[in-house]
């Protein structure tokens, strides 16, 4: 591979260029391991009960009179997964992967910590040390240090994130890269800079001729920019809405195919804190799920043969209440659903220890219990997919006593 060819691969035609040093291109000549892991974090707590809905349980419709999905075949109904669960219809692009047994779900999974704080729960899932705030590094960074090193000099593109900032999950001693999103969900202007905006506000405050027009213009702009509530924006922790994810997913796939050194990748998407007007088959949640599904399907398609050696996990900090609230939404919950995709995944199944959504089965009478620790899912990805030796699991998940969850995500 010559330098010009490498730089062409990195550019990807969309302004997405890796900030590598002058001589870093030479490191890609090293043949790396083939197995890859991509993590997609849905910040804000996606409603897993409407992602993979227990449509055959009468309690589901009882608890969600306006937002429950109908049975498969009905108008606004879920897509049939089995005789009990249905997939949200906005996720239709992923149904072929399910039918090919390349997609599985682990229901009633999540962090055992009881917090319903977005910030704390995201921190615990990214550090993989629930309840412990003192952990300095993220579990994907630890994973990068534990996987067998490639021959030759360390390559900073081994682990990468796509987003505005380096995420907690990749913080730590191992080299990692952060690339900006290719498309922003909203574009701020000069007046959105706090100091500039404050100066102009003061300049036009009480202005006889232009004051009212200025104030109205600023208010209109704020309405556009504040399409989500302040709480939702905080829950997103800086992650963009999923709208631009299909393009980012295509770029990520092209990048991974063009640079074999990339083993670990992370993408965070916001907009899942649906306290009001969540909707059922259509509405706010459906509008978020549709580009997510398109992006994941695009990622799988663009990876091509590499998908056979790639696992993609989708997770969120916690689930949402089983019962809808008075605003047509759902509040912070506990258990959720994790998604696992890939060519080697033993898919076509909804896995996990499922207890139903009857009143007696709910955690604190309000949400799904966590019956599968999210680390049990990640441990299978690390051991059976990435082939991490057993003796390194304590370093990857410090303080966790590994327990087999009763299912296998990978055959053998």
Protein backbone atom coordinates (compact mmCIF):
# COMPACT_ATOMS: atom_id res chain seq x y z
CA UNK A 1 0.00 0.00 0.00
CA UNK A 2 1.49 3.35 -1.00
CA UNK A 3 0.91 6.57 0.85
CA UNK A 4 -1.39 8.12 -1.75
CA UNK A 5 -3.67 5.08 -1.75
CA UNK A 6 -3.84 5.10 2.04
CA UNK A 7 -4.76 8.79 2.20
CA UNK A 8 -7.47 8.24 -0.40
CA UNK A 9 -8.90 5.48 1.77
CA UNK A 10 -8.85 7.74 4.82
CA UNK A 11 -10.53 10.71 3.17
CA UNK A 12 -13.72 8.80 2.26
CA UNK A 13 -14.99 11.70 0.19
CA UNK A 14 -16.77 13.43 3.11
CA UNK A 15 -14.19 15.48 4.90
CA UNK A 16 -13.55 12.65 7.37
CA UNK A 17 -9.76 12.49 7.53
CA UNK A 18 -7.79 10.68 10.19
CA UNK A 19 -5.41 13.03 12.02
CA UNK A 20 -2.40 10.74 11.70
CA UNK A 21 1.22 11.78 11.73
CA UNK A 22 3.34 11.96 8.56
CA UNK A 23 4.70 8.46 8.87
CA UNK A 24 1.70 6.71 10.49
CA UNK A 25 0.54 5.39 7.11
CA UNK A 26 3.34 2.85 7.11
CA UNK A 27 1.89 1.09 10.16
CA UNK A 28 -1.13 -0.13 8.16
CA UNK A 29 1.12 -2.54 6.28
CA UNK A 30 0.97 -4.77 9.39
CA UNK A 31 -1.68 -7.49 9.10
CA UNK A 32 -3.89 -7.26 12.21
CA UNK A 33 -6.30 -9.71 13.76
CA UNK A 34 -9.54 -10.02 11.82
CA UNK A 35 -12.15 -9.83 14.58
CA UNK A 36 -13.82 -6.47 15.24
CA UNK A 37 -16.24 -4.98 17.76
CA UNK A 38 -18.50 -1.95 17.23
CA UNK A 39 -20.50 -0.49 20.13
CA UNK A 40 -23.46 1.84 19.53
CA UNK A 41 -24.59 3.67 22.68
CA UNK A 42 -28.13 5.10 22.75
CA UNK A 43 -27.83 7.93 25.25
CA UNK A 44 -31.00 8.96 27.02
CA UNK A 45 -32.42 5.48 27.79
CA UNK A 46 -34.24 3.98 24.82
CA UNK A 47 -37.57 2.30 25.50
CA UNK A 48 -36.67 -1.37 25.09
CA UNK A 49 -40.28 -2.43 25.68
CA UNK A 50 -41.27 -0.80 22.39
CA UNK A 51 -38.10 -1.88 20.59
CA UNK A 52 -38.72 -5.55 21.28
CA UNK A 53 -42.30 -5.56 22.50
CA UNK A 54 -43.99 -8.41 24.42
CA UNK A 55 -47.08 -8.08 22.24
CA UNK A 56 -48.53 -11.44 23.30
CA UNK A 57 -48.64 -10.38 26.95
CA UNK A 58 -52.01 -8.68 27.68
CA UNK A 59 -50.35 -6.66 30.44
CA UNK A 60 -48.29 -4.84 27.82
CA UNK A 61 -51.31 -3.22 26.16
CA UNK A 62 -52.94 -2.63 29.56
CA UNK A 63 -49.92 -0.68 30.81
CA UNK A 64 -49.55 1.27 27.56
CA UNK A 65 -53.01 2.13 26.27
CA UNK A 66 -51.84 4.75 23.74
CA UNK A 67 -48.25 3.79 22.89
CA UNK A 68 -48.30 -0.04 22.80
CA UNK A 69 -47.58 -1.67 19.45
CA UNK A 70 -50.31 -3.84 17.99
CA UNK A 71 -49.91 -7.52 17.29
CA UNK A 72 -48.15 -8.51 14.06
CA UNK A 73 -50.48 -8.16 11.11
CA UNK A 74 -52.55 -5.41 12.71
CA UNK A 75 -52.51 -1.80 11.60
CA UNK A 76 -49.56 -0.25 13.43
CA UNK A 77 -48.51 -3.68 14.58
CA UNK A 78 -45.09 -4.97 15.47
CA UNK A 79 -43.02 -7.14 13.14
CA UNK A 80 -43.16 -10.76 14.20
CA UNK A 81 -40.04 -12.12 15.88
CA UNK A 82 -41.63 -15.17 17.52
CA UNK A 83 -44.96 -16.10 19.09
CA UNK A 84 -44.45 -13.63 21.94
CA UNK A 85 -42.17 -10.73 20.92
CA UNK A 86 -42.49 -8.24 18.08
CA UNK A 87 -40.04 -5.74 16.63
CA UNK A 88 -40.89 -2.06 16.29
CA UNK A 89 -41.98 -1.50 12.66
CA UNK A 90 -39.50 1.38 12.26
CA UNK A 91 -36.77 -1.25 12.61
CA UNK A 92 -37.92 -3.11 9.48
CA UNK A 93 -34.52 -2.68 7.75
CA UNK A 94 -33.07 -5.03 10.38
CA UNK A 95 -35.59 -7.83 9.84
CA UNK A 96 -33.47 -9.50 7.10
CA UNK A 97 -30.57 -9.75 9.58
CA UNK A 98 -32.93 -11.38 12.07
CA UNK A 99 -34.15 -13.84 9.45
CA UNK A 100 -30.53 -14.60 8.52
CA UNK A 101 -29.89 -15.30 12.23
CA UNK A 102 -27.34 -12.49 12.39
CA UNK A 103 -29.27 -10.45 14.96
CA UNK A 104 -30.21 -11.37 18.53
CA UNK A 105 -31.73 -9.48 21.45
CA UNK A 106 -31.06 -9.91 25.18
CA UNK A 107 -34.12 -8.67 27.06
CA UNK A 108 -34.33 -7.55 30.69
CA UNK A 109 -30.62 -6.78 30.59
CA UNK A 110 -28.67 -3.82 31.92
CA UNK A 111 -26.72 -2.51 34.87
CA UNK A 112 -27.44 -3.94 38.32
CA UNK A 113 -26.99 -0.48 39.83
CA UNK A 114 -30.36 1.02 40.74
CA UNK A 115 -29.61 4.60 39.67
CA UNK A 116 -32.02 6.34 37.32
CA UNK A 117 -29.57 9.19 36.70
CA UNK A 118 -28.55 9.36 33.04
CA UNK A 119 -25.10 10.68 33.88
CA UNK A 120 -24.29 8.04 36.51
CA UNK A 121 -25.80 5.14 34.57
CA UNK A 122 -23.93 6.02 31.39
CA UNK A 123 -20.72 6.37 33.37
CA UNK A 124 -21.20 2.94 34.94
CA UNK A 125 -21.92 1.26 31.62
CA UNK A 126 -18.91 2.89 29.98
CA UNK A 127 -16.56 2.05 32.85
CA UNK A 128 -18.25 -1.36 33.40
CA UNK A 129 -17.99 -0.84 37.16
CA UNK A 130 -21.58 -0.17 38.29
CA UNK A 131 -21.78 1.83 41.52
CA UNK A 132 -18.11 2.76 41.42
CA UNK A 133 -17.33 6.31 40.31
CA UNK A 134 -13.60 6.12 40.98
CA UNK A 135 -12.79 3.99 37.90
CA UNK A 136 -10.40 5.97 35.73
CA UNK A 137 -10.71 4.21 32.39
CA UNK A 138 -13.42 2.86 30.10
CA UNK A 139 -13.91 -0.82 29.40
CA UNK A 140 -13.21 -0.51 25.65
CA UNK A 141 -9.89 1.16 26.45
CA UNK A 142 -9.05 -1.69 28.84
CA UNK A 143 -10.06 -4.14 26.13
CA UNK A 144 -7.61 -2.51 23.74
CA UNK A 145 -4.81 -3.05 26.27
CA UNK A 146 -5.79 -6.70 26.82
CA UNK A 147 -6.18 -7.90 23.25
CA UNK A 148 -3.03 -9.38 21.73
CA UNK A 149 -0.87 -6.56 20.40
CA UNK A 150 -0.24 -6.30 16.71
CA UNK A 151 3.36 -6.60 15.57
CA UNK A 152 5.14 -3.35 14.85
CA UNK A 153 4.55 0.08 16.41
CA UNK A 154 1.31 0.82 18.27
CA UNK A 155 -1.35 2.10 15.89
CA UNK A 156 -3.63 4.88 17.21
CA UNK A 157 -6.37 3.83 14.83
CA UNK A 158 -6.81 0.50 16.62
CA UNK A 159 -9.69 1.98 18.65
CA UNK A 160 -11.77 4.89 17.43
CA UNK A 161 -14.90 6.85 18.26
CA UNK A 162 -17.17 8.86 16.00
CA UNK A 163 -18.63 11.85 17.82
CA UNK A 164 -17.96 15.35 19.13
CA UNK A 165 -15.73 14.27 22.02
CA UNK A 166 -13.64 11.30 23.12
CA UNK A 167 -16.13 9.19 25.12
CA UNK A 168 -15.68 7.81 28.62
CA UNK A 169 -15.72 4.24 27.28
CA UNK A 170 -12.44 4.83 25.38
CA UNK A 171 -10.66 6.94 27.98
CA UNK A 172 -7.51 5.43 29.43
CA UNK A 173 -3.89 4.60 28.63
CA UNK A 174 -4.44 2.82 25.30
CA UNK A 175 -4.18 4.96 22.18
CA UNK A 176 -7.56 5.87 20.69
CA UNK A 177 -8.82 8.28 18.06
CA UNK A 178 -11.88 10.50 17.90
CA UNK A 179 -13.44 11.54 14.59
CA UNK A 180 -16.19 14.16 14.24
CA UNK A 181 -19.63 13.25 13.01
CA UNK A 182 -19.99 13.75 9.29
CA UNK A 183 -23.32 15.55 9.64
CA UNK A 184 -24.70 17.51 12.57
CA UNK A 185 -28.34 17.21 13.53
CA UNK A 186 -28.52 20.95 14.10
CA UNK A 187 -26.11 23.68 13.12
CA UNK A 188 -25.40 26.46 15.57
CA UNK A 189 -24.68 30.00 14.38
CA UNK A 190 -22.43 32.73 15.74
CA UNK A 191 -25.02 33.95 18.23
CA UNK A 192 -25.16 30.49 19.83
CA UNK A 193 -21.75 31.18 21.30
CA UNK A 194 -22.59 32.31 24.85
CA UNK A 195 -20.33 35.34 24.98
CA UNK A 196 -21.30 36.56 21.51
CA UNK A 197 -24.99 36.02 22.13
CA UNK A 198 -24.87 37.81 25.49
CA UNK A 199 -23.14 40.78 23.91
CA UNK A 200 -25.76 41.10 21.18
CA UNK A 201 -28.60 40.61 23.67
CA UNK A 202 -27.24 43.53 25.70
CA UNK A 203 -26.72 45.63 22.58
CA UNK A 204 -30.34 45.27 21.42
CA UNK A 205 -32.03 45.18 24.82
CA UNK A 206 -34.61 47.99 24.83
CA UNK A 207 -33.59 49.21 21.38
CA UNK A 208 -36.50 51.35 20.15
CA UNK A 209 -36.34 50.28 16.51
CA UNK A 210 -34.79 46.82 16.36
CA UNK A 211 -35.19 45.49 19.88
CA UNK A 212 -38.52 43.71 19.37
CA UNK A 213 -37.55 42.20 16.00
CA UNK A 214 -34.24 41.01 17.43
CA UNK A 215 -35.93 39.42 20.43
CA UNK A 216 -38.47 37.64 18.24
CA UNK A 217 -35.75 36.37 15.91
CA UNK A 218 -33.70 35.03 18.82
CA UNK A 219 -36.75 33.31 20.28
CA UNK A 220 -37.60 31.66 16.95
CA UNK A 221 -34.02 30.42 16.65
CA UNK A 222 -34.14 28.99 20.16
CA UNK A 223 -37.35 27.14 19.32
CA UNK A 224 -35.63 25.48 16.39
CA UNK A 225 -32.49 24.62 18.31
CA UNK A 226 -34.39 23.39 21.36
CA UNK A 227 -36.29 20.64 19.58
CA UNK A 228 -35.59 18.55 22.67
CA UNK A 229 -36.04 19.56 26.26
CA UNK A 230 -33.12 20.63 28.43
CA UNK A 231 -33.38 17.32 30.29
CA UNK A 232 -33.19 15.36 27.06
CA UNK A 233 -30.13 17.30 25.93
CA UNK A 234 -28.45 16.53 29.26
CA UNK A 235 -29.41 12.88 28.88
CA UNK A 236 -27.82 12.86 25.41
CA UNK A 237 -24.47 13.85 26.98
CA UNK A 238 -23.42 15.61 23.78
CA UNK A 239 -24.40 12.77 21.44
CA UNK A 240 -26.12 13.80 18.18
CA UNK A 241 -29.57 12.67 17.14
CA UNK A 242 -29.65 9.53 14.94
CA UNK A 243 -30.59 11.46 11.78
CA UNK A 244 -27.02 11.54 10.49
CA UNK A 245 -26.20 7.99 11.57
CA UNK A 246 -26.74 6.28 8.19
CA UNK A 247 -24.04 8.47 6.63
CA UNK A 248 -21.72 8.01 9.61
CA UNK A 249 -22.30 4.24 9.50
CA UNK A 250 -21.36 4.13 5.82
CA UNK A 251 -18.19 6.11 6.52
CA UNK A 252 -17.29 3.85 9.44
CA UNK A 253 -17.73 0.72 7.32
CA UNK A 254 -15.64 2.16 4.51
CA UNK A 255 -13.00 3.21 6.99
CA UNK A 256 -12.82 -0.24 8.59
CA UNK A 257 -12.60 -1.93 5.20
CA UNK A 258 -9.85 0.46 4.16
CA UNK A 259 -7.84 0.18 7.37
CA UNK A 260 -7.56 -3.34 8.76
CA UNK A 261 -5.86 -2.04 11.90
CA UNK A 262 -9.19 -0.81 13.29
CA UNK A 263 -10.47 -3.38 15.78
CA UNK A 264 -12.76 -1.41 18.12
CA UNK A 265 -15.20 1.37 17.25
CA UNK A 266 -17.75 3.37 19.23
CA UNK A 267 -20.66 5.61 18.21
CA UNK A 268 -23.07 7.42 20.56
CA UNK A 269 -26.53 8.64 19.51
CA UNK A 270 -28.88 10.81 21.56
CA UNK A 271 -32.59 11.62 21.58
CA UNK A 272 -34.01 8.62 23.48
CA UNK A 273 -35.31 10.33 26.64
CA UNK A 274 -38.99 10.14 25.61
CA UNK A 275 -40.88 11.50 28.62
CA UNK A 276 -43.65 12.95 26.45
CA UNK A 277 -45.32 12.23 23.10
CA UNK A 278 -43.33 9.05 22.58
CA UNK A 279 -45.80 7.52 20.15
CA UNK A 280 -46.33 3.91 19.18
CA UNK A 281 -45.78 2.65 15.65
CA UNK A 282 -45.31 6.28 14.62
CA UNK A 283 -44.20 9.37 16.51
CA UNK A 284 -41.07 10.53 18.29
CA UNK A 285 -39.54 7.14 19.12
CA UNK A 286 -40.28 5.79 15.65
CA UNK A 287 -38.60 8.86 14.18
CA UNK A 288 -35.43 8.06 16.11
CA UNK A 289 -35.50 4.30 15.42
CA UNK A 290 -35.89 4.62 11.64
CA UNK A 291 -32.48 6.25 10.94
CA UNK A 292 -30.88 4.00 13.55
CA UNK A 293 -32.17 0.93 11.72
CA UNK A 294 -31.11 2.31 8.34
CA UNK A 295 -27.65 3.07 9.74
CA UNK A 296 -27.19 -0.39 11.24
CA UNK A 297 -28.39 -2.07 8.05
CA UNK A 298 -26.04 0.15 6.04
CA UNK A 299 -23.17 -0.70 8.35
CA UNK A 300 -23.79 -4.43 7.93
CA UNK A 301 -24.11 -4.12 4.15
CA UNK A 302 -21.04 -1.92 3.69
CA UNK A 303 -18.87 -4.16 5.87
CA UNK A 304 -19.51 -6.91 3.34
CA UNK A 305 -17.50 -10.07 4.06
CA UNK A 306 -15.97 -8.32 7.07
CA UNK A 307 -19.33 -8.63 8.86
CA UNK A 308 -18.53 -12.31 9.42
CA UNK A 309 -15.72 -11.23 11.76
CA UNK A 310 -17.50 -8.22 13.27
CA UNK A 311 -19.87 -8.00 16.22
CA UNK A 312 -22.06 -4.93 16.72
CA UNK A 313 -23.68 -4.33 20.11
CA UNK A 314 -26.35 -1.69 20.77
CA UNK A 315 -26.92 -0.67 24.38
CA UNK A 316 -28.45 2.09 26.49
CA UNK A 317 -27.95 3.17 30.10
CA UNK A 318 -31.30 1.86 31.37
CA UNK A 319 -34.81 1.15 30.18
CA UNK A 320 -38.07 2.97 30.74
CA UNK A 321 -41.18 2.42 32.82
CA UNK A 322 -43.54 -0.35 31.79
CA UNK A 323 -46.51 1.96 32.32
CA UNK A 324 -46.89 5.02 30.11
CA UNK A 325 -47.21 8.36 31.90
CA UNK A 326 -49.83 11.08 31.61
CA UNK A 327 -47.90 12.84 28.83
CA UNK A 328 -47.97 9.91 26.46
CA UNK A 329 -44.37 9.01 27.23
CA UNK A 330 -42.35 6.84 29.59
CA UNK A 331 -40.11 7.69 32.51
CA UNK A 332 -36.72 6.41 33.69
CA UNK A 333 -36.73 2.69 34.29
CA UNK A 334 -34.28 -0.15 34.91
CA UNK A 335 -34.02 -3.25 32.69
CA UNK A 336 -33.72 -2.84 28.93
CA UNK A 337 -32.85 -4.79 25.79
CA UNK A 338 -29.38 -5.18 24.27
CA UNK A 339 -28.94 -5.87 20.56
CA UNK A 340 -26.12 -8.00 19.15
CA UNK A 341 -25.47 -8.22 15.40
CA UNK A 342 -22.83 -9.95 13.33
CA UNK A 343 -22.06 -12.71 10.91
CA UNK A 344 -21.09 -15.18 13.61
CA UNK A 345 -23.87 -14.32 16.08
CA UNK A 346 -26.28 -17.12 16.99
CA UNK A 347 -29.18 -14.86 16.11
CA UNK A 348 -32.86 -15.11 15.37
CA UNK A 349 -33.60 -15.33 19.12
CA UNK A 350 -34.79 -13.12 21.97
CA UNK A 351 -32.54 -14.25 24.80
CA UNK A 352 -32.46 -13.58 28.52
CA UNK A 353 -34.34 -14.46 31.69
CA UNK A 354 -37.74 -12.94 30.91
CA UNK A 355 -40.37 -12.67 33.67
CA UNK A 356 -43.10 -10.80 31.79
CA UNK A 357 -44.65 -7.41 32.51
CA UNK A 358 -47.29 -8.40 35.02
CA UNK A 359 -47.42 -6.21 38.12
CA UNK A 360 -45.75 -8.82 40.32
CA UNK A 361 -42.89 -9.30 37.86
CA UNK A 362 -41.92 -5.63 37.62
CA UNK A 363 -39.01 -4.08 39.49
CA UNK A 364 -40.41 -1.85 42.24
CA UNK A 365 -43.78 -2.25 40.53
CA UNK A 366 -42.75 0.05 37.67
CA UNK A 367 -40.14 -1.31 35.25
CA UNK A 368 -38.30 -4.38 34.00
CA UNK A 369 -35.90 -6.02 36.42
CA UNK A 370 -32.32 -6.58 35.30
CA UNK A 371 -32.02 -10.36 35.08
CA UNK A 372 -28.93 -10.33 32.83
CA UNK A 373 -26.00 -8.13 33.81
CA UNK A 374 -24.79 -6.21 30.75
CA UNK A 375 -21.26 -7.40 31.53
CA UNK A 376 -22.35 -10.99 30.94
CA UNK A 377 -23.22 -10.03 27.37
CA UNK A 378 -19.99 -8.08 26.91
CA UNK A 379 -18.01 -10.97 28.42
CA UNK A 380 -19.31 -13.32 25.73
CA UNK A 381 -18.33 -10.78 23.09
CA UNK A 382 -14.85 -10.52 24.59
CA UNK A 383 -14.27 -14.22 25.14
CA UNK A 384 -16.10 -16.00 22.36
CA UNK A 385 -15.85 -13.39 19.64
CA UNK A 386 -12.58 -11.55 20.33
CA UNK A 387 -11.04 -14.65 22.00
CA UNK A 388 -9.87 -12.80 25.10
CA UNK A 389 -8.30 -15.32 27.52
CA UNK A 390 -10.32 -16.12 30.65
CA UNK A 391 -7.58 -14.90 32.97
CA UNK A 392 -7.91 -11.37 31.58
CA UNK A 393 -11.61 -11.00 32.35
CA UNK A 394 -11.02 -9.72 35.88
CA UNK A 395 -8.96 -6.87 34.45
CA UNK A 396 -11.61 -6.09 31.85
CA UNK A 397 -14.45 -6.14 34.40
CA UNK A 398 -12.85 -5.46 37.79
CA UNK A 399 -14.86 -6.56 40.80
CA UNK A 400 -17.40 -8.53 38.78
CA UNK A 401 -17.92 -12.19 39.48
CA UNK A 402 -18.60 -13.67 36.08
CA UNK A 403 -21.77 -15.73 35.85
CA UNK A 404 -22.90 -17.54 32.73
CA UNK A 405 -26.25 -16.07 31.67
CA UNK A 406 -27.74 -19.34 30.44
CA UNK A 407 -27.50 -18.57 26.73
CA UNK A 408 -24.79 -18.36 24.08
CA UNK A 409 -24.48 -15.50 21.66
CA UNK A 410 -21.89 -17.34 19.64
CA UNK A 411 -22.04 -21.04 18.71
CA UNK A 412 -19.49 -23.41 20.13
